[in-house]
Amino acid sequence: MQPIGIRPTNDFAFKKTFGSPENKVALISLLNAILTLPVPIVDVTIENPYNLQDFQNDKLSILDIRAVDQRGAIYDVEMQLSTHSGLVKRIVFYGCEVYAGQLKAGDDYSVLKPVYSICLLEGQLWDDSPKVHHAFRLEDRDSGRLLEETLEIHTLELGWYNLQESELETASLLDRWLYWLLHAHQYDAQTLGSLFSQPEFQKAT
């Protein structure tokens, strides 16, 4: 059997996989795996769903995925194939823009919902830190008190990821998703289906 061949980290493939309403079970699973929130996400509405015609007509289509959960929290997910010197500032700027963009003229600040900005990178963001997942929150540097329910930024550097197929059986859900993102294209559909038998992976495949 032929390998699938299409890398899930490809811009359009990623948006189609996780940004299609019929695949939202995959997006929910990925978000829960990354964020490990006290109350798991059970449903989302994708606000900028994948649309093939839009992609064909507009080469500048927005490739991030924007979703809102059952409590109104906003999730913005993007797949970044390359790094550059201004990427960290861009990630912070975009997360703040999503947070501030909730308010319309006359709105009270109390209507603001938490924003989770997630950037998955095929490479490495920091060469001196071989850590895959970084989670940044607004907190007091002395007491650790959080500005809760505001902005949280997550980066996942796939360039540091080195899980082997033999470790999948005991791997965490996040590890399984990251392995799937990096290696799904190397397997044929039948083998991939046996390695990842959960419904969310079946949907994604």
N, C-alpha and C. Protein backbone atom coordinates (compact mmCIF):
# COMPACT_ATOMS: atom_id res chain seq x y z
N MET A 1 0.83 -1.20 0.00
CA MET A 1 0.00 0.00 0.00
C MET A 1 0.87 1.25 0.00
N GLN A 2 0.39 2.28 -0.69
CA GLN A 2 1.13 3.53 -0.80
C GLN A 2 0.94 4.39 0.44
N PRO A 3 2.00 5.06 0.89
CA PRO A 3 1.84 6.02 1.98
C PRO A 3 0.88 7.13 1.58
N ILE A 4 0.25 7.74 2.58
CA ILE A 4 -0.68 8.82 2.31
C ILE A 4 0.01 9.97 1.58
N GLY A 5 1.21 10.31 2.00
CA GLY A 5 2.03 11.26 1.26
C GLY A 5 1.81 12.73 1.57
N ILE A 6 0.67 13.11 2.06
CA ILE A 6 0.38 14.52 2.36
C ILE A 6 0.69 14.79 3.83
N ARG A 7 1.59 15.72 4.06
CA ARG A 7 1.97 16.03 5.43
C ARG A 7 0.85 16.81 6.13
N PRO A 8 0.40 16.36 7.30
CA PRO A 8 -0.64 17.10 8.02
C PRO A 8 -0.22 18.51 8.42
N THR A 9 1.10 18.76 8.45
CA THR A 9 1.59 20.09 8.80
C THR A 9 1.54 21.06 7.63
N ASN A 10 1.25 20.56 6.43
CA ASN A 10 1.04 21.45 5.29
C ASN A 10 -0.09 22.43 5.62
N ASP A 11 0.10 23.69 5.25
CA ASP A 11 -0.87 24.74 5.62
C ASP A 11 -2.31 24.34 5.34
N PHE A 12 -2.57 23.97 4.09
CA PHE A 12 -3.94 23.67 3.68
C PHE A 12 -4.44 22.38 4.30
N ALA A 13 -3.56 21.37 4.39
CA ALA A 13 -3.96 20.09 4.99
C ALA A 13 -4.33 20.28 6.45
N PHE A 14 -3.55 21.10 7.16
CA PHE A 14 -3.82 21.35 8.57
C PHE A 14 -5.17 22.05 8.74
N LYS A 15 -5.41 23.06 7.91
CA LYS A 15 -6.68 23.80 8.01
C LYS A 15 -7.86 22.89 7.66
N LYS A 16 -7.69 22.04 6.65
CA LYS A 16 -8.78 21.15 6.26
C LYS A 16 -9.06 20.13 7.36
N THR A 17 -7.99 19.60 7.96
CA THR A 17 -8.15 18.57 8.99
C THR A 17 -8.82 19.11 10.24
N PHE A 18 -8.34 20.24 10.73
CA PHE A 18 -8.82 20.75 12.02
C PHE A 18 -9.80 21.91 11.90
N GLY A 19 -9.94 22.46 10.69
CA GLY A 19 -10.81 23.61 10.51
C GLY A 19 -12.11 23.30 9.80
N SER A 20 -12.39 22.02 9.57
CA SER A 20 -13.66 21.63 8.94
C SER A 20 -14.66 21.27 10.03
N PRO A 21 -15.86 21.84 10.00
CA PRO A 21 -16.86 21.55 11.05
C PRO A 21 -17.12 20.07 11.24
N GLU A 22 -17.09 19.29 10.17
CA GLU A 22 -17.36 17.85 10.30
C GLU A 22 -16.22 17.12 11.01
N ASN A 23 -15.07 17.79 11.17
CA ASN A 23 -13.93 17.19 11.86
C ASN A 23 -13.69 17.79 13.24
N LYS A 24 -14.68 18.49 13.78
CA LYS A 24 -14.40 19.24 15.01
C LYS A 24 -14.03 18.35 16.19
N VAL A 25 -14.40 17.08 16.14
CA VAL A 25 -13.98 16.16 17.21
C VAL A 25 -12.46 16.07 17.26
N ALA A 26 -11.80 16.18 16.10
CA ALA A 26 -10.33 16.16 16.06
C ALA A 26 -9.77 17.44 16.68
N LEU A 27 -10.35 18.58 16.34
CA LEU A 27 -9.90 19.85 16.91
C LEU A 27 -10.10 19.88 18.42
N ILE A 28 -11.24 19.42 18.89
CA ILE A 28 -11.51 19.39 20.33
C ILE A 28 -10.48 18.52 21.05
N SER A 29 -10.18 17.37 20.48
CA SER A 29 -9.21 16.46 21.08
C SER A 29 -7.83 17.11 21.13
N LEU A 30 -7.41 17.76 20.04
CA LEU A 30 -6.10 18.42 20.01
C LEU A 30 -6.04 19.54 21.04
N LEU A 31 -7.08 20.35 21.12
CA LEU A 31 -7.11 21.45 22.09
C LEU A 31 -7.04 20.93 23.52
N ASN A 32 -7.81 19.91 23.83
CA ASN A 32 -7.78 19.34 25.19
C ASN A 32 -6.42 18.76 25.51
N ALA A 33 -5.78 18.15 24.52
CA ALA A 33 -4.45 17.55 24.74
C ALA A 33 -3.41 18.63 25.03
N ILE A 34 -3.50 19.76 24.35
CA ILE A 34 -2.53 20.83 24.54
C ILE A 34 -2.78 21.60 25.83
N LEU A 35 -4.02 21.94 26.09
CA LEU A 35 -4.34 22.89 27.16
C LEU A 35 -4.58 22.26 28.52
N THR A 36 -5.06 21.03 28.56
CA THR A 36 -5.39 20.34 29.83
C THR A 36 -6.11 21.28 30.80
N LEU A 37 -7.21 21.84 30.35
CA LEU A 37 -7.98 22.79 31.16
C LEU A 37 -8.69 22.08 32.31
N PRO A 38 -8.98 22.78 33.40
CA PRO A 38 -9.72 22.16 34.52
C PRO A 38 -11.06 21.59 34.08
N VAL A 39 -11.73 22.30 33.18
CA VAL A 39 -12.98 21.82 32.60
C VAL A 39 -12.72 21.55 31.12
N PRO A 40 -12.73 20.29 30.69
CA PRO A 40 -12.41 19.98 29.29
C PRO A 40 -13.39 20.63 28.32
N ILE A 41 -12.90 20.88 27.13
CA ILE A 41 -13.74 21.39 26.05
C ILE A 41 -14.61 20.25 25.55
N VAL A 42 -15.91 20.48 25.44
CA VAL A 42 -16.81 19.42 24.97
C VAL A 42 -17.41 19.75 23.61
N ASP A 43 -17.39 21.03 23.24
CA ASP A 43 -17.93 21.40 21.93
C ASP A 43 -17.32 22.72 21.50
N VAL A 44 -17.16 22.90 20.20
CA VAL A 44 -16.68 24.17 19.67
C VAL A 44 -17.47 24.54 18.42
N THR A 45 -17.50 25.82 18.15
CA THR A 45 -18.00 26.33 16.88
C THR A 45 -16.82 26.92 16.14
N ILE A 46 -16.56 26.43 14.95
CA ILE A 46 -15.44 26.94 14.16
C ILE A 46 -15.90 28.20 13.43
N GLU A 47 -15.25 29.33 13.72
CA GLU A 47 -15.72 30.61 13.21
C GLU A 47 -15.22 30.92 11.81
N ASN A 48 -14.12 30.31 11.39
CA ASN A 48 -13.61 30.53 10.04
C ASN A 48 -13.34 29.18 9.38
N PRO A 49 -14.40 28.42 9.10
CA PRO A 49 -14.23 27.04 8.62
C PRO A 49 -13.51 26.96 7.28
N TYR A 50 -12.86 25.82 7.09
CA TYR A 50 -12.18 25.53 5.82
C TYR A 50 -13.19 25.54 4.69
N ASN A 51 -12.83 26.22 3.60
CA ASN A 51 -13.68 26.26 2.42
C ASN A 51 -12.79 26.15 1.20
N LEU A 52 -12.93 25.04 0.46
CA LEU A 52 -12.04 24.77 -0.67
C LEU A 52 -12.10 25.88 -1.71
N GLN A 53 -13.30 26.38 -2.00
CA GLN A 53 -13.43 27.40 -3.03
C GLN A 53 -12.70 28.69 -2.63
N ASP A 54 -12.79 29.03 -1.34
CA ASP A 54 -12.07 30.21 -0.86
C ASP A 54 -10.57 30.05 -1.09
N PHE A 55 -10.06 28.83 -0.82
CA PHE A 55 -8.64 28.58 -0.98
C PHE A 55 -8.23 28.68 -2.45
N GLN A 56 -9.07 28.17 -3.34
CA GLN A 56 -8.76 28.21 -4.76
C GLN A 56 -8.79 29.62 -5.31
N ASN A 57 -9.68 30.46 -4.76
CA ASN A 57 -9.86 31.81 -5.27
C ASN A 57 -8.94 32.84 -4.63
N ASP A 58 -8.42 32.54 -3.46
CA ASP A 58 -7.66 33.54 -2.71
C ASP A 58 -6.40 32.92 -2.13
N LYS A 59 -5.26 33.22 -2.74
CA LYS A 59 -4.00 32.66 -2.28
C LYS A 59 -3.58 33.23 -0.93
N LEU A 60 -4.24 34.30 -0.50
CA LEU A 60 -3.91 34.92 0.78
C LEU A 60 -4.90 34.54 1.86
N SER A 61 -5.59 33.41 1.67
CA SER A 61 -6.58 32.97 2.65
C SER A 61 -5.95 32.85 4.03
N ILE A 62 -6.73 33.20 5.05
CA ILE A 62 -6.26 33.08 6.43
C ILE A 62 -6.19 31.61 6.81
N LEU A 63 -5.03 31.17 7.29
CA LEU A 63 -4.83 29.75 7.53
C LEU A 63 -4.91 29.36 9.00
N ASP A 64 -5.10 30.33 9.89
CA ASP A 64 -5.29 29.94 11.28
C ASP A 64 -6.71 29.41 11.46
N ILE A 65 -6.95 28.76 12.58
CA ILE A 65 -8.26 28.19 12.89
C ILE A 65 -8.79 28.89 14.13
N ARG A 66 -9.96 29.47 14.04
CA ARG A 66 -10.58 30.20 15.15
C ARG A 66 -11.82 29.44 15.60
N ALA A 67 -11.88 29.11 16.88
CA ALA A 67 -13.03 28.37 17.40
C ALA A 67 -13.45 28.94 18.75
N VAL A 68 -14.72 28.75 19.08
CA VAL A 68 -15.27 29.20 20.36
C VAL A 68 -15.93 28.01 21.04
N ASP A 69 -15.68 27.84 22.34
CA ASP A 69 -16.23 26.67 23.03
C ASP A 69 -17.55 26.99 23.73
N GLN A 70 -18.02 26.01 24.53
CA GLN A 70 -19.34 26.11 25.15
C GLN A 70 -19.44 27.23 26.19
N ARG A 71 -18.30 27.73 26.68
CA ARG A 71 -18.34 28.83 27.66
C ARG A 71 -17.94 30.17 27.05
N GLY A 72 -17.70 30.19 25.74
CA GLY A 72 -17.35 31.43 25.07
C GLY A 72 -15.86 31.68 24.92
N ALA A 73 -15.01 30.81 25.48
CA ALA A 73 -13.57 30.96 25.33
C ALA A 73 -13.18 30.82 23.86
N ILE A 74 -12.16 31.58 23.47
CA ILE A 74 -11.74 31.63 22.07
C ILE A 74 -10.41 30.90 21.92
N TYR A 75 -10.32 30.10 20.87
CA TYR A 75 -9.10 29.34 20.58
C TYR A 75 -8.63 29.70 19.18
N ASP A 76 -7.38 30.12 19.07
CA ASP A 76 -6.81 30.41 17.76
C ASP A 76 -5.59 29.52 17.57
N VAL A 77 -5.62 28.71 16.52
CA VAL A 77 -4.58 27.70 16.29
C VAL A 77 -3.98 27.94 14.92
N GLU A 78 -2.65 27.94 14.86
CA GLU A 78 -2.00 28.04 13.56
C GLU A 78 -0.84 27.08 13.47
N MET A 79 -0.55 26.66 12.24
CA MET A 79 0.60 25.81 11.95
C MET A 79 1.62 26.67 11.23
N GLN A 80 2.80 26.79 11.82
CA GLN A 80 3.85 27.64 11.27
C GLN A 80 4.97 26.74 10.73
N LEU A 81 5.24 26.84 9.42
CA LEU A 81 6.22 25.96 8.80
C LEU A 81 7.64 26.47 8.91
N SER A 82 7.82 27.75 9.15
CA SER A 82 9.17 28.31 9.25
C SER A 82 9.23 29.33 10.37
N THR A 83 10.41 29.53 10.91
CA THR A 83 10.61 30.52 11.96
C THR A 83 11.38 31.71 11.40
N HIS A 84 11.24 32.86 12.05
CA HIS A 84 11.99 34.04 11.65
C HIS A 84 12.22 34.90 12.89
N SER A 85 13.04 35.91 12.77
CA SER A 85 13.49 36.66 13.95
C SER A 85 12.35 37.36 14.68
N GLY A 86 11.29 37.72 13.96
CA GLY A 86 10.19 38.43 14.61
C GLY A 86 9.03 37.55 15.01
N LEU A 87 9.21 36.23 14.96
CA LEU A 87 8.07 35.34 15.17
C LEU A 87 7.49 35.42 16.58
N VAL A 88 8.35 35.49 17.59
CA VAL A 88 7.84 35.55 18.97
C VAL A 88 6.97 36.79 19.16
N LYS A 89 7.44 37.93 18.68
CA LYS A 89 6.66 39.17 18.81
C LYS A 89 5.36 39.08 18.00
N ARG A 90 5.43 38.44 16.85
CA ARG A 90 4.23 38.27 16.03
C ARG A 90 3.19 37.42 16.76
N ILE A 91 3.65 36.33 17.40
CA ILE A 91 2.74 35.46 18.14
C ILE A 91 2.05 36.23 19.27
N VAL A 92 2.83 37.02 20.01
CA VAL A 92 2.27 37.81 21.11
C VAL A 92 1.30 38.87 20.56
N PHE A 93 1.71 39.56 19.51
CA PHE A 93 0.86 40.59 18.92
C PHE A 93 -0.47 40.00 18.47
N TYR A 94 -0.41 38.86 17.81
CA TYR A 94 -1.64 38.28 17.28
C TYR A 94 -2.56 37.81 18.40
N GLY A 95 -1.98 37.22 19.45
CA GLY A 95 -2.80 36.81 20.59
C GLY A 95 -3.50 37.99 21.24
N CYS A 96 -2.76 39.10 21.40
CA CYS A 96 -3.36 40.31 21.98
C CYS A 96 -4.43 40.88 21.06
N GLU A 97 -4.20 40.81 19.76
CA GLU A 97 -5.17 41.32 18.79
C GLU A 97 -6.48 40.54 18.87
N VAL A 98 -6.37 39.22 19.00
CA VAL A 98 -7.58 38.39 19.13
C VAL A 98 -8.33 38.76 20.40
N TYR A 99 -7.58 38.95 21.50
CA TYR A 99 -8.22 39.30 22.78
C TYR A 99 -8.92 40.65 22.69
N ALA A 100 -8.21 41.66 22.19
CA ALA A 100 -8.78 43.01 22.11
C ALA A 100 -9.91 43.09 21.08
N GLY A 101 -9.83 42.25 20.06
CA GLY A 101 -10.81 42.30 18.98
C GLY A 101 -12.20 41.84 19.38
N GLN A 102 -12.35 41.33 20.60
CA GLN A 102 -13.68 40.90 21.05
C GLN A 102 -14.62 42.08 21.30
N LEU A 103 -14.04 43.22 21.70
CA LEU A 103 -14.86 44.36 22.12
C LEU A 103 -15.34 45.18 20.93
N LYS A 104 -16.59 45.53 20.99
CA LYS A 104 -17.16 46.49 20.04
C LYS A 104 -17.41 47.80 20.79
N ALA A 105 -17.63 48.86 20.04
CA ALA A 105 -17.86 50.17 20.66
C ALA A 105 -19.00 50.09 21.67
N GLY A 106 -18.73 50.57 22.87
CA GLY A 106 -19.75 50.58 23.92
C GLY A 106 -19.78 49.35 24.79
N ASP A 107 -19.03 48.30 24.42
CA ASP A 107 -19.01 47.08 25.22
C ASP A 107 -18.30 47.31 26.55
N ASP A 108 -18.75 46.61 27.58
CA ASP A 108 -18.08 46.63 28.87
C ASP A 108 -16.95 45.60 28.86
N TYR A 109 -15.85 45.92 29.54
CA TYR A 109 -14.71 45.00 29.55
C TYR A 109 -15.05 43.65 30.17
N SER A 110 -16.09 43.60 30.96
CA SER A 110 -16.48 42.35 31.61
C SER A 110 -16.95 41.29 30.62
N VAL A 111 -17.25 41.69 29.39
CA VAL A 111 -17.72 40.71 28.40
C VAL A 111 -16.56 39.95 27.77
N LEU A 112 -15.33 40.38 28.01
CA LEU A 112 -14.18 39.71 27.41
C LEU A 112 -14.07 38.27 27.88
N LYS A 113 -13.84 37.37 26.95
CA LYS A 113 -13.67 35.96 27.24
C LYS A 113 -12.19 35.58 27.12
N PRO A 114 -11.78 34.50 27.79
CA PRO A 114 -10.38 34.09 27.70
C PRO A 114 -10.00 33.68 26.28
N VAL A 115 -8.76 33.97 25.92
CA VAL A 115 -8.23 33.62 24.60
C VAL A 115 -7.03 32.69 24.78
N TYR A 116 -7.02 31.62 24.01
CA TYR A 116 -5.91 30.67 23.99
C TYR A 116 -5.33 30.69 22.58
N SER A 117 -4.12 31.22 22.47
CA SER A 117 -3.45 31.32 21.18
C SER A 117 -2.40 30.21 21.10
N ILE A 118 -2.52 29.36 20.08
CA ILE A 118 -1.66 28.17 19.97
C ILE A 118 -0.91 28.21 18.64
N CYS A 119 0.40 28.10 18.72
CA CYS A 119 1.23 28.08 17.52
C CYS A 119 2.05 26.80 17.50
N LEU A 120 1.79 25.95 16.51
CA LEU A 120 2.59 24.75 16.30
C LEU A 120 3.63 25.06 15.23
N LEU A 121 4.88 24.75 15.52
CA LEU A 121 5.96 25.05 14.59
C LEU A 121 6.65 23.77 14.15
N GLU A 122 6.93 23.67 12.85
CA GLU A 122 7.65 22.49 12.38
C GLU A 122 9.09 22.49 12.85
N GLY A 123 9.63 23.66 13.11
CA GLY A 123 11.03 23.76 13.52
C GLY A 123 11.18 24.02 15.00
N GLN A 124 12.18 24.85 15.32
CA GLN A 124 12.49 25.18 16.71
C GLN A 124 12.46 26.69 16.87
N LEU A 125 11.91 27.13 17.98
CA LEU A 125 11.81 28.56 18.25
C LEU A 125 12.99 29.04 19.08
N TRP A 126 13.41 28.23 20.04
CA TRP A 126 14.56 28.56 20.88
C TRP A 126 15.57 27.43 20.82
N ASP A 127 16.78 27.74 20.35
CA ASP A 127 17.81 26.71 20.20
C ASP A 127 18.37 26.24 21.53
N ASP A 128 18.21 27.05 22.58
CA ASP A 128 18.82 26.71 23.87
C ASP A 128 17.87 25.96 24.80
N SER A 129 16.70 25.60 24.31
CA SER A 129 15.72 24.94 25.18
C SER A 129 15.04 23.80 24.43
N PRO A 130 15.54 22.57 24.61
CA PRO A 130 14.97 21.43 23.88
C PRO A 130 13.64 20.95 24.47
N LYS A 131 12.73 21.88 24.62
CA LYS A 131 11.42 21.58 25.18
C LYS A 131 10.38 21.78 24.09
N VAL A 132 9.48 20.82 23.95
CA VAL A 132 8.50 20.89 22.86
C VAL A 132 7.41 21.91 23.16
N HIS A 133 6.83 21.85 24.35
CA HIS A 133 5.63 22.62 24.67
C HIS A 133 5.93 23.71 25.70
N HIS A 134 5.70 24.96 25.31
CA HIS A 134 5.80 26.08 26.25
C HIS A 134 4.41 26.68 26.42
N ALA A 135 4.04 27.00 27.66
CA ALA A 135 2.75 27.63 27.96
C ALA A 135 3.02 28.93 28.71
N PHE A 136 2.60 30.05 28.12
CA PHE A 136 2.85 31.37 28.70
C PHE A 136 1.54 31.98 29.18
N ARG A 137 1.58 32.50 30.42
CA ARG A 137 0.40 33.14 31.00
C ARG A 137 0.81 34.46 31.65
N LEU A 138 -0.16 35.33 31.88
CA LEU A 138 0.11 36.60 32.56
C LEU A 138 0.06 36.36 34.07
N GLU A 139 1.22 36.54 34.72
CA GLU A 139 1.25 36.29 36.16
C GLU A 139 2.24 37.21 36.85
N ASP A 140 2.04 37.41 38.13
CA ASP A 140 2.95 38.20 38.95
C ASP A 140 4.25 37.43 39.15
N ARG A 141 5.38 38.09 38.90
CA ARG A 141 6.65 37.37 38.94
C ARG A 141 7.07 36.96 40.35
N ASP A 142 6.53 37.62 41.37
CA ASP A 142 6.90 37.27 42.75
C ASP A 142 5.95 36.25 43.36
N SER A 143 4.67 36.55 43.31
CA SER A 143 3.70 35.68 43.98
C SER A 143 3.17 34.56 43.09
N GLY A 144 3.31 34.75 41.77
CA GLY A 144 2.74 33.77 40.85
C GLY A 144 1.25 33.94 40.62
N ARG A 145 0.67 35.03 41.17
CA ARG A 145 -0.76 35.27 40.97
C ARG A 145 -1.05 35.48 39.49
N LEU A 146 -2.06 34.76 39.01
CA LEU A 146 -2.41 34.82 37.60
C LEU A 146 -3.46 35.88 37.32
N LEU A 147 -3.35 36.50 36.15
CA LEU A 147 -4.46 37.27 35.60
C LEU A 147 -5.31 36.27 34.84
N GLU A 148 -6.19 35.63 35.57
CA GLU A 148 -6.93 34.49 35.03
C GLU A 148 -7.97 34.91 34.00
N GLU A 149 -8.30 33.96 33.15
CA GLU A 149 -9.36 34.17 32.16
C GLU A 149 -9.05 35.34 31.23
N THR A 150 -7.75 35.50 30.90
CA THR A 150 -7.37 36.57 29.97
C THR A 150 -6.71 35.95 28.74
N LEU A 151 -5.39 35.95 28.68
CA LEU A 151 -4.68 35.48 27.50
C LEU A 151 -3.65 34.42 27.88
N GLU A 152 -3.63 33.35 27.12
CA GLU A 152 -2.65 32.28 27.31
C GLU A 152 -2.09 31.94 25.94
N ILE A 153 -0.76 31.83 25.84
CA ILE A 153 -0.10 31.53 24.57
C ILE A 153 0.67 30.23 24.70
N HIS A 154 0.45 29.33 23.76
CA HIS A 154 1.15 28.05 23.75
C HIS A 154 1.95 27.91 22.46
N THR A 155 3.20 27.48 22.59
CA THR A 155 4.00 27.14 21.42
C THR A 155 4.40 25.68 21.52
N LEU A 156 4.36 24.99 20.39
CA LEU A 156 4.77 23.59 20.33
C LEU A 156 5.79 23.44 19.21
N GLU A 157 7.04 23.18 19.60
CA GLU A 157 8.15 23.12 18.65
C GLU A 157 8.38 21.67 18.22
N LEU A 158 7.86 21.33 17.06
CA LEU A 158 7.94 19.94 16.60
C LEU A 158 9.36 19.55 16.23
N GLY A 159 10.23 20.54 16.04
CA GLY A 159 11.63 20.24 15.73
C GLY A 159 12.35 19.53 16.86
N TRP A 160 11.83 19.65 18.09
CA TRP A 160 12.43 18.97 19.24
C TRP A 160 11.78 17.61 19.52
N TYR A 161 10.76 17.29 18.78
CA TYR A 161 9.95 16.11 19.11
C TYR A 161 10.61 14.84 18.57
N ASN A 162 10.76 13.81 19.41
CA ASN A 162 11.49 12.62 18.98
C ASN A 162 10.86 11.31 19.45
N LEU A 163 9.55 11.29 19.70
CA LEU A 163 8.89 10.05 20.11
C LEU A 163 8.99 9.01 18.99
N GLN A 164 9.19 7.76 19.36
CA GLN A 164 9.28 6.67 18.39
C GLN A 164 7.96 5.91 18.31
N GLU A 165 7.74 5.24 17.19
CA GLU A 165 6.49 4.48 17.00
C GLU A 165 6.29 3.46 18.10
N SER A 166 7.37 2.85 18.56
CA SER A 166 7.28 1.81 19.60
C SER A 166 6.77 2.37 20.93
N GLU A 167 6.79 3.69 21.10
CA GLU A 167 6.36 4.32 22.34
C GLU A 167 4.91 4.79 22.29
N LEU A 168 4.26 4.66 21.15
CA LEU A 168 2.91 5.21 20.98
C LEU A 168 1.89 4.60 21.93
N GLU A 169 2.01 3.32 22.20
CA GLU A 169 0.99 2.62 22.98
C GLU A 169 0.82 3.22 24.37
N THR A 170 1.91 3.71 24.95
CA THR A 170 1.85 4.27 26.31
C THR A 170 1.98 5.80 26.30
N ALA A 171 1.95 6.41 25.14
CA ALA A 171 2.14 7.85 25.02
C ALA A 171 0.89 8.62 25.45
N SER A 172 1.09 9.85 25.86
CA SER A 172 -0.03 10.73 26.20
C SER A 172 -0.79 11.11 24.93
N LEU A 173 -1.98 11.66 25.11
CA LEU A 173 -2.77 12.08 23.95
C LEU A 173 -2.03 13.16 23.17
N LEU A 174 -1.37 14.09 23.86
CA LEU A 174 -0.63 15.13 23.16
C LEU A 174 0.51 14.53 22.35
N ASP A 175 1.25 13.61 22.96
CA ASP A 175 2.34 12.96 22.24
C ASP A 175 1.83 12.24 20.99
N ARG A 176 0.69 11.61 21.11
CA ARG A 176 0.12 10.90 19.96
C ARG A 176 -0.27 11.87 18.85
N TRP A 177 -0.84 12.99 19.23
CA TRP A 177 -1.19 13.99 18.21
C TRP A 177 0.06 14.55 17.52
N LEU A 178 1.09 14.84 18.29
CA LEU A 178 2.31 15.39 17.69
C LEU A 178 2.98 14.38 16.78
N TYR A 179 2.98 13.11 17.20
CA TYR A 179 3.54 12.07 16.33
C TYR A 179 2.72 11.99 15.05
N TRP A 180 1.40 12.03 15.17
CA TRP A 180 0.51 11.96 14.00
C TRP A 180 0.80 13.12 13.05
N LEU A 181 0.95 14.32 13.59
CA LEU A 181 1.22 15.48 12.75
C LEU A 181 2.52 15.34 11.97
N LEU A 182 3.52 14.78 12.62
CA LEU A 182 4.84 14.68 11.99
C LEU A 182 4.98 13.48 11.06
N HIS A 183 4.26 12.39 11.34
CA HIS A 183 4.55 11.14 10.63
C HIS A 183 3.39 10.50 9.89
N ALA A 184 2.18 11.03 10.01
CA ALA A 184 1.02 10.38 9.37
C ALA A 184 1.24 10.17 7.88
N HIS A 185 1.91 11.10 7.22
CA HIS A 185 2.09 11.02 5.77
C HIS A 185 2.98 9.85 5.35
N GLN A 186 3.72 9.28 6.30
CA GLN A 186 4.65 8.20 5.97
C GLN A 186 3.97 6.82 5.96
N TYR A 187 2.72 6.76 6.45
CA TYR A 187 2.01 5.48 6.57
C TYR A 187 0.92 5.37 5.51
N ASP A 188 0.57 4.13 5.17
CA ASP A 188 -0.63 3.93 4.37
C ASP A 188 -1.84 4.02 5.30
N ALA A 189 -3.02 4.19 4.71
CA ALA A 189 -4.23 4.45 5.50
C ALA A 189 -4.54 3.31 6.47
N GLN A 190 -4.31 2.07 6.05
CA GLN A 190 -4.63 0.93 6.91
C GLN A 190 -3.73 0.87 8.13
N THR A 191 -2.43 1.05 7.92
CA THR A 191 -1.48 1.02 9.03
C THR A 191 -1.73 2.18 9.99
N LEU A 192 -1.98 3.35 9.42
CA LEU A 192 -2.25 4.52 10.25
C LEU A 192 -3.51 4.31 11.08
N GLY A 193 -4.52 3.69 10.48
CA GLY A 193 -5.77 3.42 11.20
C GLY A 193 -5.58 2.46 12.35
N SER A 194 -4.66 1.51 12.20
CA SER A 194 -4.42 0.56 13.29
C SER A 194 -3.58 1.18 14.41
N LEU A 195 -2.70 2.11 14.05
CA LEU A 195 -1.89 2.79 15.07
C LEU A 195 -2.71 3.81 15.85
N PHE A 196 -3.66 4.43 15.15
CA PHE A 196 -4.48 5.49 15.75
C PHE A 196 -5.95 5.14 15.55
N SER A 197 -6.46 4.32 16.44
CA SER A 197 -7.81 3.78 16.26
C SER A 197 -8.90 4.63 16.91
N GLN A 198 -8.52 5.63 17.71
CA GLN A 198 -9.52 6.46 18.38
C GLN A 198 -10.31 7.27 17.35
N PRO A 199 -11.59 7.55 17.64
CA PRO A 199 -12.46 8.24 16.67
C PRO A 199 -11.90 9.57 16.19
N GLU A 200 -11.25 10.33 17.08
CA GLU A 200 -10.75 11.64 16.67
C GLU A 200 -9.64 11.53 15.63
N PHE A 201 -8.81 10.49 15.75
CA PHE A 201 -7.76 10.28 14.75
C PHE A 201 -8.35 9.74 13.46
N GLN A 202 -9.35 8.89 13.57
CA GLN A 202 -10.00 8.37 12.37
C GLN A 202 -10.62 9.52 11.58
N LYS A 203 -11.24 10.48 12.29
CA LYS A 203 -11.82 11.64 11.63
C LYS A 203 -10.75 12.46 10.93
N ALA A 204 -9.64 12.66 11.64
CA ALA A 204 -8.56 13.48 11.09
C ALA A 204 -7.94 12.83 9.86
N THR A 205 -7.87 11.51 9.86
CA THR A 205 -7.26 10.80 8.74
C THR A 205 -8.19 10.75 7.55
